[in-house]
Amino acid sequence: MLPFSDEELIEPVKASLAKNLYILERDGGGLEFLGVKNGVVYIKLIGACSGCVASHTTLKYALEKNLKIDIHSDLTLINLNGGKDEFAKL
């Protein structure tokens, strides 16, 4: 269980993702931060990362790993292809 509210996580999560955005940008991609719900961070991959076969690996072993190191080991990162509309339905 996370010792933070979803609201408290937003800025630290954004900072961690921004710090590691170069991982996506070097391949012509990027991400859109959608929000945090119940300790799960939701993003939408954009650019070359959208639909890339390696995107799951990049999410889990680069971005999510760094969120766990920077903030808390229980954080999870999920890509929503539907973006804001899909996030709003959660």
N, C-alpha and C. Protein backbone atom coordinates (compact mmCIF):
# COMPACT_ATOMS: atom_id res chain seq x y z
N MET A 1 0.84 -1.19 0.00
CA MET A 1 0.00 0.00 0.00
C MET A 1 0.88 1.24 0.00
N LEU A 2 0.51 2.20 -0.81
CA LEU A 2 1.28 3.43 -0.93
C LEU A 2 0.96 4.40 0.21
N PRO A 3 1.99 5.04 0.76
CA PRO A 3 1.76 6.01 1.84
C PRO A 3 1.42 7.41 1.32
N PHE A 4 1.00 7.50 0.06
CA PHE A 4 0.69 8.78 -0.57
C PHE A 4 -0.70 8.72 -1.20
N SER A 5 -1.35 9.87 -1.27
CA SER A 5 -2.60 9.94 -2.02
C SER A 5 -2.26 10.09 -3.50
N ASP A 6 -3.24 9.84 -4.34
CA ASP A 6 -3.03 10.02 -5.78
C ASP A 6 -2.62 11.45 -6.08
N GLU A 7 -3.24 12.41 -5.42
CA GLU A 7 -2.91 13.82 -5.63
C GLU A 7 -1.46 14.12 -5.26
N GLU A 8 -0.99 13.55 -4.16
CA GLU A 8 0.39 13.77 -3.72
C GLU A 8 1.40 13.17 -4.69
N LEU A 9 1.00 12.19 -5.45
CA LEU A 9 1.90 11.51 -6.38
C LEU A 9 2.07 12.24 -7.71
N ILE A 10 1.13 13.07 -8.08
CA ILE A 10 1.13 13.66 -9.42
C ILE A 10 2.43 14.39 -9.75
N GLU A 11 2.84 15.33 -8.95
CA GLU A 11 4.04 16.12 -9.27
C GLU A 11 5.32 15.28 -9.23
N PRO A 12 5.53 14.43 -8.21
CA PRO A 12 6.73 13.58 -8.24
C PRO A 12 6.75 12.63 -9.44
N VAL A 13 5.60 12.11 -9.81
CA VAL A 13 5.53 11.21 -10.97
C VAL A 13 5.87 11.97 -12.24
N LYS A 14 5.30 13.15 -12.40
CA LYS A 14 5.60 13.96 -13.59
C LYS A 14 7.10 14.27 -13.67
N ALA A 15 7.70 14.59 -12.53
CA ALA A 15 9.13 14.91 -12.50
C ALA A 15 9.97 13.70 -12.88
N SER A 16 9.62 12.54 -12.37
CA SER A 16 10.36 11.31 -12.70
C SER A 16 10.22 10.98 -14.18
N LEU A 17 9.00 11.07 -14.71
CA LEU A 17 8.79 10.79 -16.12
C LEU A 17 9.55 11.78 -16.99
N ALA A 18 9.53 13.06 -16.62
CA ALA A 18 10.24 14.09 -17.39
C ALA A 18 11.75 13.82 -17.41
N LYS A 19 12.26 13.39 -16.27
CA LYS A 19 13.69 13.10 -16.15
C LYS A 19 14.11 11.95 -17.07
N ASN A 20 13.19 11.05 -17.33
CA ASN A 20 13.51 9.87 -18.13
C ASN A 20 12.89 9.90 -19.52
N LEU A 21 12.34 11.03 -19.91
CA LEU A 21 11.69 11.15 -21.21
C LEU A 21 12.66 10.95 -22.37
N TYR A 22 13.92 11.24 -22.16
CA TYR A 22 14.93 11.06 -23.21
C TYR A 22 14.95 9.63 -23.74
N ILE A 23 14.57 8.68 -22.91
CA ILE A 23 14.54 7.27 -23.32
C ILE A 23 13.60 7.08 -24.51
N LEU A 24 12.48 7.78 -24.48
CA LEU A 24 11.50 7.71 -25.56
C LEU A 24 11.87 8.65 -26.70
N GLU A 25 12.32 9.83 -26.36
CA GLU A 25 12.60 10.85 -27.36
C GLU A 25 13.73 10.47 -28.30
N ARG A 26 14.70 9.74 -27.83
CA ARG A 26 15.83 9.37 -28.69
C ARG A 26 15.40 8.46 -29.84
N ASP A 27 14.22 7.85 -29.72
CA ASP A 27 13.69 7.02 -30.78
C ASP A 27 12.50 7.66 -31.49
N GLY A 28 12.28 8.95 -31.26
CA GLY A 28 11.21 9.66 -31.93
C GLY A 28 9.85 9.55 -31.26
N GLY A 29 9.84 9.16 -30.00
CA GLY A 29 8.58 9.00 -29.28
C GLY A 29 8.43 9.96 -28.14
N GLY A 30 7.41 9.71 -27.35
CA GLY A 30 7.14 10.53 -26.19
C GLY A 30 5.97 9.95 -25.42
N LEU A 31 5.47 10.72 -24.47
CA LEU A 31 4.32 10.26 -23.70
C LEU A 31 3.48 11.43 -23.27
N GLU A 32 2.24 11.12 -23.01
CA GLU A 32 1.29 12.08 -22.45
C GLU A 32 0.90 11.55 -21.07
N PHE A 33 1.12 12.34 -20.03
CA PHE A 33 0.72 11.96 -18.68
C PHE A 33 -0.78 12.11 -18.56
N LEU A 34 -1.46 11.04 -18.15
CA LEU A 34 -2.91 11.06 -18.03
C LEU A 34 -3.38 11.26 -16.60
N GLY A 35 -2.66 10.66 -15.64
CA GLY A 35 -3.04 10.82 -14.24
C GLY A 35 -2.66 9.62 -13.40
N VAL A 36 -3.07 9.68 -12.15
CA VAL A 36 -2.81 8.61 -11.18
C VAL A 36 -4.13 8.23 -10.55
N LYS A 37 -4.43 6.95 -10.54
CA LYS A 37 -5.64 6.45 -9.87
C LYS A 37 -5.28 5.20 -9.08
N ASN A 38 -5.56 5.25 -7.79
CA ASN A 38 -5.30 4.13 -6.89
C ASN A 38 -3.85 3.67 -6.95
N GLY A 39 -2.94 4.62 -7.05
CA GLY A 39 -1.52 4.31 -7.06
C GLY A 39 -0.99 3.76 -8.37
N VAL A 40 -1.80 3.81 -9.40
CA VAL A 40 -1.38 3.37 -10.73
C VAL A 40 -1.22 4.61 -11.60
N VAL A 41 -0.07 4.71 -12.26
CA VAL A 41 0.24 5.84 -13.13
C VAL A 41 -0.18 5.47 -14.54
N TYR A 42 -0.97 6.35 -15.16
CA TYR A 42 -1.44 6.11 -16.52
C TYR A 42 -0.85 7.14 -17.48
N ILE A 43 -0.34 6.63 -18.60
CA ILE A 43 0.22 7.48 -19.65
C ILE A 43 -0.31 7.00 -21.00
N LYS A 44 -0.07 7.81 -22.00
CA LYS A 44 -0.33 7.39 -23.38
C LYS A 44 0.96 7.60 -24.15
N LEU A 45 1.47 6.54 -24.75
CA LEU A 45 2.65 6.66 -25.58
C LEU A 45 2.28 7.34 -26.88
N ILE A 46 3.15 8.24 -27.34
CA ILE A 46 2.89 8.98 -28.58
C ILE A 46 4.10 8.90 -29.50
N GLY A 47 3.92 9.38 -30.70
CA GLY A 47 5.00 9.36 -31.68
C GLY A 47 5.39 7.95 -32.05
N ALA A 48 6.67 7.74 -32.26
CA ALA A 48 7.17 6.44 -32.68
C ALA A 48 6.93 5.35 -31.64
N CYS A 49 6.71 5.73 -30.39
CA CYS A 49 6.49 4.74 -29.32
C CYS A 49 5.09 4.15 -29.36
N SER A 50 4.15 4.87 -29.96
CA SER A 50 2.79 4.38 -30.05
C SER A 50 2.75 3.19 -31.00
N GLY A 51 2.42 2.04 -30.47
CA GLY A 51 2.35 0.84 -31.29
C GLY A 51 3.67 0.13 -31.50
N CYS A 52 4.75 0.63 -30.93
CA CYS A 52 6.06 -0.01 -31.06
C CYS A 52 6.05 -1.35 -30.32
N VAL A 53 6.64 -2.37 -30.93
CA VAL A 53 6.65 -3.70 -30.32
C VAL A 53 7.48 -3.74 -29.04
N ALA A 54 8.41 -2.82 -28.89
CA ALA A 54 9.26 -2.79 -27.69
C ALA A 54 8.70 -1.88 -26.59
N SER A 55 7.55 -1.29 -26.82
CA SER A 55 7.03 -0.31 -25.86
C SER A 55 6.76 -0.91 -24.48
N HIS A 56 6.26 -2.13 -24.42
CA HIS A 56 6.00 -2.75 -23.12
C HIS A 56 7.30 -2.91 -22.32
N THR A 57 8.34 -3.32 -22.98
CA THR A 57 9.64 -3.48 -22.33
C THR A 57 10.15 -2.14 -21.83
N THR A 58 10.04 -1.12 -22.66
CA THR A 58 10.48 0.22 -22.25
C THR A 58 9.69 0.71 -21.05
N LEU A 59 8.38 0.47 -21.04
CA LEU A 59 7.55 0.91 -19.92
C LEU A 59 7.97 0.23 -18.63
N LYS A 60 8.09 -1.09 -18.65
CA LYS A 60 8.35 -1.85 -17.42
C LYS A 60 9.78 -1.73 -16.93
N TYR A 61 10.75 -1.84 -17.85
CA TYR A 61 12.15 -1.93 -17.43
C TYR A 61 12.91 -0.61 -17.48
N ALA A 62 12.26 0.45 -17.91
CA ALA A 62 12.90 1.76 -17.89
C ALA A 62 12.04 2.74 -17.10
N LEU A 63 10.88 3.11 -17.63
CA LEU A 63 10.07 4.14 -16.98
C LEU A 63 9.50 3.69 -15.64
N GLU A 64 8.85 2.52 -15.59
CA GLU A 64 8.28 2.05 -14.32
C GLU A 64 9.38 1.77 -13.30
N LYS A 65 10.47 1.20 -13.75
CA LYS A 65 11.59 0.92 -12.84
C LYS A 65 12.08 2.21 -12.19
N ASN A 66 12.20 3.28 -12.99
CA ASN A 66 12.65 4.55 -12.44
C ASN A 66 11.62 5.18 -11.51
N LEU A 67 10.33 5.01 -11.79
CA LEU A 67 9.30 5.49 -10.86
C LEU A 67 9.44 4.79 -9.51
N LYS A 68 9.70 3.48 -9.56
CA LYS A 68 9.85 2.71 -8.33
C LYS A 68 11.07 3.16 -7.54
N ILE A 69 12.15 3.47 -8.24
CA ILE A 69 13.37 3.95 -7.57
C ILE A 69 13.17 5.36 -7.03
N ASP A 70 12.61 6.23 -7.85
CA ASP A 70 12.46 7.65 -7.47
C ASP A 70 11.41 7.89 -6.40
N ILE A 71 10.31 7.08 -6.41
CA ILE A 71 9.17 7.42 -5.55
C ILE A 71 8.79 6.30 -4.59
N HIS A 72 8.36 5.15 -5.13
CA HIS A 72 7.93 4.05 -4.26
C HIS A 72 7.89 2.75 -5.06
N SER A 73 8.27 1.67 -4.42
CA SER A 73 8.38 0.37 -5.09
C SER A 73 7.04 -0.25 -5.48
N ASP A 74 5.93 0.27 -4.98
CA ASP A 74 4.63 -0.29 -5.31
C ASP A 74 3.94 0.39 -6.51
N LEU A 75 4.59 1.38 -7.11
CA LEU A 75 3.98 2.07 -8.25
C LEU A 75 3.95 1.17 -9.48
N THR A 76 2.91 1.34 -10.26
CA THR A 76 2.74 0.61 -11.52
C THR A 76 2.47 1.64 -12.61
N LEU A 77 2.98 1.36 -13.81
CA LEU A 77 2.80 2.26 -14.95
C LEU A 77 2.06 1.52 -16.06
N ILE A 78 0.99 2.14 -16.56
CA ILE A 78 0.18 1.51 -17.60
C ILE A 78 -0.03 2.49 -18.75
N ASN A 79 0.15 1.99 -19.97
CA ASN A 79 -0.12 2.76 -21.17
C ASN A 79 -1.57 2.55 -21.59
N LEU A 80 -2.28 3.65 -21.80
CA LEU A 80 -3.67 3.58 -22.29
C LEU A 80 -3.68 4.11 -23.72
N ASN A 81 -3.89 3.25 -24.68
CA ASN A 81 -3.92 3.66 -26.07
C ASN A 81 -5.05 4.64 -26.36
N GLY A 82 -6.12 4.57 -25.56
CA GLY A 82 -7.27 5.46 -25.74
C GLY A 82 -7.08 6.84 -25.15
N GLY A 83 -5.96 7.07 -24.49
CA GLY A 83 -5.64 8.38 -23.93
C GLY A 83 -6.62 8.88 -22.88
N LYS A 84 -6.91 10.17 -22.93
CA LYS A 84 -7.76 10.82 -21.93
C LYS A 84 -9.16 10.23 -21.85
N ASP A 85 -9.72 9.85 -23.01
CA ASP A 85 -11.06 9.27 -23.01
C ASP A 85 -11.08 7.95 -22.25
N GLU A 86 -10.08 7.13 -22.46
CA GLU A 86 -10.02 5.84 -21.76
C GLU A 86 -9.75 6.06 -20.27
N PHE A 87 -8.88 7.01 -19.94
CA PHE A 87 -8.58 7.32 -18.54
C PHE A 87 -9.83 7.80 -17.80
N ALA A 88 -10.63 8.60 -18.46
CA ALA A 88 -11.85 9.15 -17.85
C ALA A 88 -12.85 8.04 -17.48
N LYS A 89 -12.78 6.91 -18.15
CA LYS A 89 -13.70 5.81 -17.90
C LYS A 89 -13.26 4.89 -16.76
N LEU A 90 -12.06 5.09 -16.26
CA LEU A 90 -11.56 4.23 -15.18
C LEU A 90 -12.23 4.54 -13.86
